[in-house]
Protein backbone atom coordinates (compact mmCIF):
# COMPACT_ATOMS: atom_id res chain seq x y z
CA MET A 1 0.00 0.00 0.00
CA LEU A 2 1.29 3.48 -0.91
CA THR A 3 2.81 5.36 2.04
CA THR A 4 1.72 8.99 2.35
CA VAL A 5 3.97 11.56 4.03
CA LEU A 6 3.18 15.16 4.99
CA LEU A 7 6.03 17.63 5.51
CA LEU A 8 5.26 20.95 7.23
CA GLN A 9 7.67 23.88 7.01
CA LEU A 10 6.56 26.10 9.87
CA ASP A 11 8.90 29.04 9.29
CA GLY A 12 11.82 30.28 7.20
CA LYS A 13 11.64 31.43 3.61
CA ILE A 14 14.48 29.38 2.13
CA PRO A 15 14.21 25.64 1.44
CA ASN A 16 14.32 23.55 4.60
CA LEU A 17 17.19 21.08 4.29
CA ALA A 18 15.81 18.62 6.84
CA LEU A 19 12.48 18.40 5.02
CA MET A 20 14.27 18.10 1.67
CA ARG A 21 16.21 15.11 2.98
CA LEU A 22 13.02 13.57 4.33
CA ALA A 23 11.36 14.11 0.94
CA TYR A 24 14.23 12.38 -0.86
CA HIS A 25 14.28 9.50 1.63
CA TRP A 26 10.56 8.73 1.31
CA ARG A 27 10.22 9.30 -2.42
CA GLU A 28 13.09 6.88 -3.00
CA ARG A 29 10.95 4.33 -1.19
CA GLY A 30 7.94 4.98 -3.39
CA ALA A 31 6.00 7.19 -0.96
CA GLU A 32 3.67 10.00 -1.92
CA VAL A 33 5.13 13.13 -0.31
CA VAL A 34 3.38 16.48 0.20
CA LEU A 35 5.23 19.53 1.48
CA ARG A 36 3.33 22.54 2.80
CA LYS A 37 4.58 25.89 4.02
CA ALA A 38 2.45 26.14 7.13
CA GLY A 39 2.92 29.56 8.66
CA ASN A 40 -0.37 29.65 10.53
CA VAL A 41 -2.88 27.35 12.18
CA ARG A 42 -5.20 27.34 9.17
CA THR A 43 -2.52 25.95 6.85
CA ILE A 44 -1.57 23.34 9.44
CA GLN A 45 -5.05 21.83 9.58
CA PRO A 46 -5.94 18.90 7.27
CA GLN A 47 -7.01 20.19 3.85
CA LEU A 48 -10.06 19.23 1.82
CA GLY A 49 -9.26 16.13 -0.20
CA ASP A 50 -6.34 15.01 1.98
CA ARG A 51 -5.75 11.32 2.37
CA GLU A 52 -4.90 10.09 5.83
CA PHE A 53 -1.16 10.62 6.15
CA ASP A 54 0.91 7.71 7.40
CA ARG A 55 3.69 9.99 8.62
CA VAL A 56 3.82 13.70 9.43
CA TYR A 57 7.00 15.69 10.00
CA ALA A 58 7.27 19.38 10.93
CA SER A 59 10.30 21.64 11.19
CA LEU A 60 10.76 25.07 12.76
CA ILE A 61 13.76 27.36 13.17
CA PHE A 62 12.50 30.01 15.58
CA GLU A 63 11.16 29.56 19.10
CA GLN A 64 8.36 32.05 18.47
CA THR A 65 6.94 29.49 16.03
CA LYS A 66 6.33 26.98 18.86
CA PRO A 67 2.56 27.70 19.02
CA ASN A 68 2.28 26.48 15.44
CA ALA A 69 4.24 23.33 16.32
CA GLU A 70 1.82 22.70 19.17
CA ALA A 71 -1.04 23.12 16.69
CA VAL A 72 0.61 20.43 14.56
CA LEU A 73 0.47 17.99 17.47
CA GLN A 74 -3.20 18.80 18.02
CA ALA A 75 -3.99 18.10 14.37
CA TYR A 76 -1.57 15.15 14.01
CA PRO A 77 -0.78 13.66 17.46
CA ALA A 78 1.82 11.24 16.04
CA ALA A 79 3.74 13.97 14.16
CA ILE A 80 7.52 14.13 14.50
CA ILE A 81 8.71 17.68 15.11
CA GLY A 82 12.28 18.94 14.88
CA GLY A 83 14.40 21.99 14.29
CA THR A 84 16.17 24.51 16.48
CA GLY A 85 12.91 26.19 17.42
CA TRP A 86 11.60 22.96 18.97
CA ASN A 87 14.48 20.73 20.05
CA LYS A 88 18.10 21.82 19.85
CA THR A 89 19.50 18.30 20.08
CA ALA A 90 17.13 16.30 17.84
CA THR A 91 18.68 15.08 14.60
CA LEU A 92 17.56 13.44 11.37
CA ALA A 93 19.66 10.45 12.36
CA SER A 94 17.37 9.89 15.35
CA VAL A 95 14.51 9.17 12.90
CA GLY A 96 16.61 7.06 10.55
CA ILE A 97 17.56 9.71 7.98
CA ASN A 98 21.13 10.44 6.85
CA PRO A 99 21.81 13.99 8.11
CA ASN A 100 24.19 14.59 5.21
CA GLY A 101 22.25 12.58 2.65
CA PRO A 102 20.75 13.61 -0.71
CA VAL A 103 18.14 16.36 -0.93
CA ASP A 104 15.04 16.77 -3.08
CA TYR A 105 14.44 20.30 -4.43
CA SER A 106 11.22 19.42 -6.27
CA ASP A 107 8.97 20.97 -3.62
CA TYR A 108 10.66 24.34 -4.20
CA PRO A 109 10.29 24.72 -7.98
CA ARG A 110 11.05 28.46 -7.98
CA TRP A 111 14.24 28.09 -5.94
CA MET A 112 17.25 28.26 -8.25
CA SER A 113 20.25 28.29 -5.90
CA SER A 114 22.05 25.31 -4.41
CA VAL A 115 21.84 25.36 -0.61
CA GLY A 116 23.76 23.55 2.10
CA PHE A 117 26.80 23.37 4.37
CA THR A 118 30.50 22.94 3.69
CA GLN A 119 31.07 22.77 7.46
CA ARG A 120 29.07 22.38 10.66
CA GLY A 121 29.77 23.60 14.18
CA CYS A 122 31.77 26.59 15.42
CA ARG A 123 35.08 27.37 17.10
CA LEU A 124 33.38 29.69 19.60
CA ARG A 125 31.02 29.07 22.52
CA CYS A 126 28.87 32.20 22.65
CA SER A 127 26.34 31.91 25.47
CA PHE A 128 23.40 33.08 23.35
CA CYS A 129 24.10 30.76 20.41
CA VAL A 130 22.66 27.26 19.96
CA VAL A 131 25.23 26.11 17.37
CA PRO A 132 27.74 24.54 19.83
CA GLN A 133 24.96 22.60 21.52
CA LYS A 134 23.36 21.59 18.26
CA GLU A 135 26.41 20.93 16.08
CA GLY A 136 29.46 20.78 18.35
CA ALA A 137 32.98 21.52 17.18
CA VAL A 138 33.82 22.39 13.59
CA SER A 139 33.63 19.55 11.10
CA GLU A 140 33.83 19.53 7.31
CA VAL A 141 30.86 17.99 5.51
CA ASN A 142 30.79 18.98 1.82
CA THR A 143 32.77 20.43 -1.03
CA VAL A 144 31.31 23.01 -3.39
CA SER A 145 31.05 20.42 -6.16
CA THR A 146 28.92 18.12 -3.99
CA LEU A 147 26.59 20.97 -3.02
CA TRP A 148 25.96 22.32 -6.51
CA ARG A 149 22.88 20.86 -8.16
CA GLY A 150 24.66 20.74 -11.54
CA ASP A 151 23.49 21.83 -14.97
CA PRO A 152 21.12 23.41 -15.87
CA TRP A 153 20.98 25.11 -12.46
CA PRO A 154 22.80 28.43 -12.03
CA LYS A 155 26.09 28.53 -10.21
CA ASP A 156 24.54 30.19 -7.18
CA LEU A 157 25.53 28.81 -3.80
CA LEU A 158 23.75 29.67 -0.54
CA LEU A 159 25.95 28.48 2.31
CA LEU A 160 24.45 27.85 5.75
CA ASP A 161 27.87 27.46 7.39
CA ASN A 162 28.12 29.02 10.84
CA ASP A 163 31.93 29.22 10.79
CA PHE A 164 33.14 28.94 7.19
CA PHE A 165 36.72 29.95 8.02
CA GLY A 166 36.86 27.58 10.98
CA GLN A 167 37.23 24.54 8.71
CA PRO A 168 40.81 23.44 7.96
CA HIS A 169 40.32 23.41 4.18
CA TRP A 170 38.55 26.73 3.69
CA ARG A 171 41.18 27.77 1.15
CA GLU A 172 40.21 24.83 -1.07
CA ARG A 173 36.53 25.81 -0.77
CA ILE A 174 37.33 29.41 -1.76
CA ASP A 175 39.35 28.11 -4.71
CA GLU A 176 36.41 25.93 -5.79
CA ILE A 177 34.09 28.93 -5.66
CA LYS A 178 36.43 31.06 -7.75
CA ARG A 179 37.41 28.41 -10.31
CA GLY A 180 33.79 27.34 -10.72
CA GLY A 181 32.54 30.88 -11.27
CA PHE A 182 30.04 30.65 -8.40
CA ARG A 183 28.11 33.44 -6.79
CA VAL A 184 28.04 32.72 -3.08
CA SER A 185 25.98 33.90 -0.12
CA PHE A 186 27.59 33.34 3.27
CA ASN A 187 24.09 33.44 4.63
CA GLN A 188 24.75 32.81 8.32
CA GLY A 189 27.50 35.37 8.51
CA ILE A 190 31.26 35.66 8.75
CA ASN A 191 32.79 36.22 12.18
CA ALA A 192 34.35 39.66 11.71
CA ARG A 193 36.14 39.39 15.08
CA MET A 194 38.32 36.64 13.59
CA ILE A 195 38.91 38.11 10.13
CA ASN A 196 42.54 38.77 9.23
CA ASP A 197 44.11 40.00 6.01
CA GLU A 198 44.19 36.52 4.48
CA THR A 199 40.52 35.78 5.09
CA ALA A 200 39.50 39.32 4.15
CA GLU A 201 41.31 38.97 0.84
CA ALA A 202 39.62 35.61 0.28
CA ILE A 203 36.16 37.10 0.87
CA ALA A 204 36.87 40.02 -1.43
CA SER A 205 38.09 37.63 -4.14
CA VAL A 206 34.73 35.83 -4.56
CA ASN A 207 31.43 37.03 -5.97
CA TYR A 208 29.70 37.36 -2.59
CA ARG A 209 25.94 37.99 -2.61
CA ASP A 210 22.83 38.31 -0.47
CA ASP A 211 20.45 35.37 -0.14
CA SER A 212 18.56 36.38 -3.30
CA MET A 213 21.82 36.68 -5.28
CA LYS A 214 20.72 40.16 -6.40
CA VAL A 215 23.12 42.45 -4.54
CA LYS A 216 26.62 42.32 -3.10
CA ARG A 217 26.39 41.45 0.59
CA ILE A 218 28.54 40.15 3.43
CA TYR A 219 26.84 39.34 6.74
CA THR A 220 28.56 39.58 10.10
CA ALA A 221 27.57 40.49 13.68
CA TRP A 222 28.30 42.82 16.59
CA ASP A 223 26.82 40.97 19.54
CA ASN A 224 28.73 42.55 22.41
CA LYS A 225 29.94 46.13 22.81
CA LYS A 226 33.17 44.72 24.30
CA ASP A 227 34.06 43.28 20.88
CA GLU A 228 34.28 46.72 19.27
CA SER A 229 38.02 46.77 18.69
CA ARG A 230 38.22 43.28 17.16
CA LEU A 231 35.08 43.83 15.09
CA PHE A 232 36.33 47.01 13.47
CA GLN A 233 39.75 45.50 12.82
CA GLY A 234 37.92 42.85 10.79
CA LEU A 235 35.70 45.39 9.03
CA GLU A 236 38.70 47.53 8.17
CA ALA A 237 40.50 44.48 6.76
CA LEU A 238 37.52 43.74 4.52
CA VAL A 239 37.46 47.30 3.21
CA ARG A 240 41.22 47.34 2.78
CA HIS A 241 40.95 44.36 0.43
CA GLY A 242 38.14 45.79 -1.65
CA VAL A 243 34.82 45.12 0.11
CA LYS A 244 32.72 48.30 0.13
CA PRO A 245 31.35 49.26 3.56
CA ASP A 246 27.81 49.39 2.14
CA HIS A 247 28.16 45.72 1.17
CA ILE A 248 28.48 44.73 4.85
CA MET A 249 25.38 44.02 6.93
CA VAL A 250 26.04 43.76 10.65
CA TYR A 251 23.55 41.96 12.88
CA MET A 252 23.20 43.67 16.27
CA LEU A 253 22.13 41.39 19.11
CA CYS A 254 19.71 43.42 21.25
CA GLY A 255 18.15 42.67 24.61
CA TYR A 256 20.44 39.82 25.69
CA TRP A 257 23.01 41.39 27.97
CA LYS A 258 21.99 42.28 31.52
CA GLY A 259 21.65 46.02 32.03
CA GLU A 260 21.63 46.85 28.30
CA THR A 261 20.15 50.29 27.61
CA GLN A 262 18.92 52.16 24.56
CA GLU A 263 22.10 54.23 24.83
CA ASP A 264 24.16 51.03 24.40
CA ARG A 265 22.21 50.11 21.26
CA GLU A 266 22.44 53.66 19.94
CA TYR A 267 26.22 53.65 20.40
CA ARG A 268 26.59 50.59 18.17
CA ARG A 269 24.16 51.96 15.60
CA LEU A 270 26.07 55.21 15.26
CA LYS A 271 29.46 53.48 15.01
CA LEU A 272 28.22 51.21 12.24
CA ARG A 273 26.46 54.01 10.35
CA ASP A 274 29.60 56.16 10.60
CA PHE A 275 31.66 53.30 9.18
CA GLY A 276 29.25 53.08 6.26
CA CYS A 277 27.92 49.54 6.74
CA ARG A 278 24.33 48.42 7.35
CA PRO A 279 23.27 47.72 10.95
CA TYR A 280 20.52 45.16 11.42
CA PRO A 281 19.17 44.77 15.00
CA MET A 282 18.25 41.24 16.06
CA PRO A 283 15.99 41.22 19.15
CA TYR A 284 16.80 38.48 21.65
CA VAL A 285 13.69 39.55 23.54
CA ARG A 286 10.88 41.16 21.58
CA THR A 287 9.95 44.16 23.69
CA LYS A 288 8.06 47.04 22.10
CA GLU A 289 11.14 49.25 22.38
CA ILE A 290 13.59 46.76 20.87
CA VAL A 291 11.28 45.78 18.02
CA GLY A 292 10.70 49.49 17.43
CA PHE A 293 14.47 50.03 17.36
CA GLN A 294 14.79 47.25 14.79
CA ARG A 295 12.08 48.77 12.59
CA TRP A 296 13.66 52.23 12.87
CA ILE A 297 16.96 50.98 11.48
CA ILE A 298 16.06 48.34 8.89
CA GLY A 299 13.64 50.83 7.35
CA ALA A 300 16.48 53.41 7.34
CA TYR A 301 14.21 55.86 9.19
CA ASP A 302 17.12 56.52 11.55
CA LYS A 303 18.82 58.41 8.69
CA SER A 304 16.08 61.04 8.68
CA PHE A 305 14.39 60.96 12.08
CA SER A 306 15.79 60.97 15.60
CA TRP A 307 15.05 58.25 18.11
CA GLU A 308 12.97 60.72 20.09
CA GLU A 309 10.85 61.47 17.02
CA TRP A 310 10.49 57.74 16.34
CA VAL A 311 9.35 57.04 19.90
CA GLN A 312 6.88 59.93 19.69
CA ALA A 313 5.56 58.35 16.47
CA LYS A 314 5.02 55.09 18.41
CA TYR A 315 7.61 53.32 16.25
CA ARG A 316 5.42 53.65 13.14
CA PRO A 317 6.52 55.48 9.96
CA GLU A 318 2.98 56.59 9.11
CA ASN A 319 2.94 58.60 12.34
CA LEU A 320 6.13 60.53 11.63
CA ASN A 321 4.63 63.27 9.51
CA PRO A 322 1.06 63.36 8.23
CA HIS A 323 2.24 65.28 5.17
CA LEU A 324 5.05 62.89 4.30
CA ASN A 325 4.39 60.86 1.16
CA GLN A 326 3.71 57.27 2.28
CA LYS A 327 4.99 55.79 -0.98
CA GLN A 328 8.25 57.64 -0.47
CA LEU A 329 8.49 56.25 3.08
CA LEU A 330 8.04 52.71 1.81
CA SER A 331 10.55 53.30 -0.97
CA ASP A 332 13.12 54.62 1.51
CA ALA A 333 12.53 51.62 3.74
CA LYS A 334 13.56 49.06 1.15
CA THR A 335 16.65 47.14 2.28
CA SER A 336 18.07 43.65 1.87
CA ARG A 337 16.89 41.45 4.72
CA PRO A 338 18.98 38.51 5.93
CA VAL A 339 17.59 34.98 6.11
CA LEU A 340 18.15 33.09 9.42
CA ASN A 341 18.23 29.38 9.35
């Protein structure tokens, strides 16, 4: 009898690797597989015409998606749920799937890039980061040639590596990218605190891109004010070797450190704006003030309006000036957003 499998992607806009491996595994065994992007309770519920699914898997990246995962269990009590947003230690191997096995892109027909990891794990042990707990120490898992989908797919590579330059053979991976003529997005960021002239030159030597492959973009982070000196040494090395400051997007961890104030966040914002790169606040806790701070910056409203004006406008652009053209506000707010996985 034909096995039916339902895969639910509960968050994230890029293809979910775990679900793609599950899709490959079950289709190879003759199963009928259905993948749904289920961002709300309505899309989680059984749909008209559904057969009874023999197996249901769901995956989520962010903890704020947990209510949807709980809705999955209400609709499908036997569902298997995984992902960082649900269980930081669960693996595909625990359900009999090769964690580095083949993937099936067929459920993402509009996705053109090749996505995956050349390495897993990280050299650091940052207290706010789940990577050490989830992946452990650095290990190499793929070459560029094994990640690329091959002709006729474009030579666009979206890397999910958390510590690309932590792997022993990063030079070989950079050489593969250059010789193969790949455009590459270091989607999870480069650790600017550990960038030196050699790694900065390597980054500048490749065709680095954002997740959509449309614009030049390098992602990094400023998580702790104490890292200022090391961070800017890395940023200066990048610029010295040809990376334009405007190409650099810097995630700003907000709301994690005890005693953090708006003045602390404003200090980092100003330093990054003065350098010429793009700050991107990442709320660890989603208070009204911190989410408002995020909106102020990623919309670039901080370039035209003070924080005091933004607070007075209740963190909403439409409240800034009743005579300001709304279309112009929206146009000014356009910026490349990072994808977290």
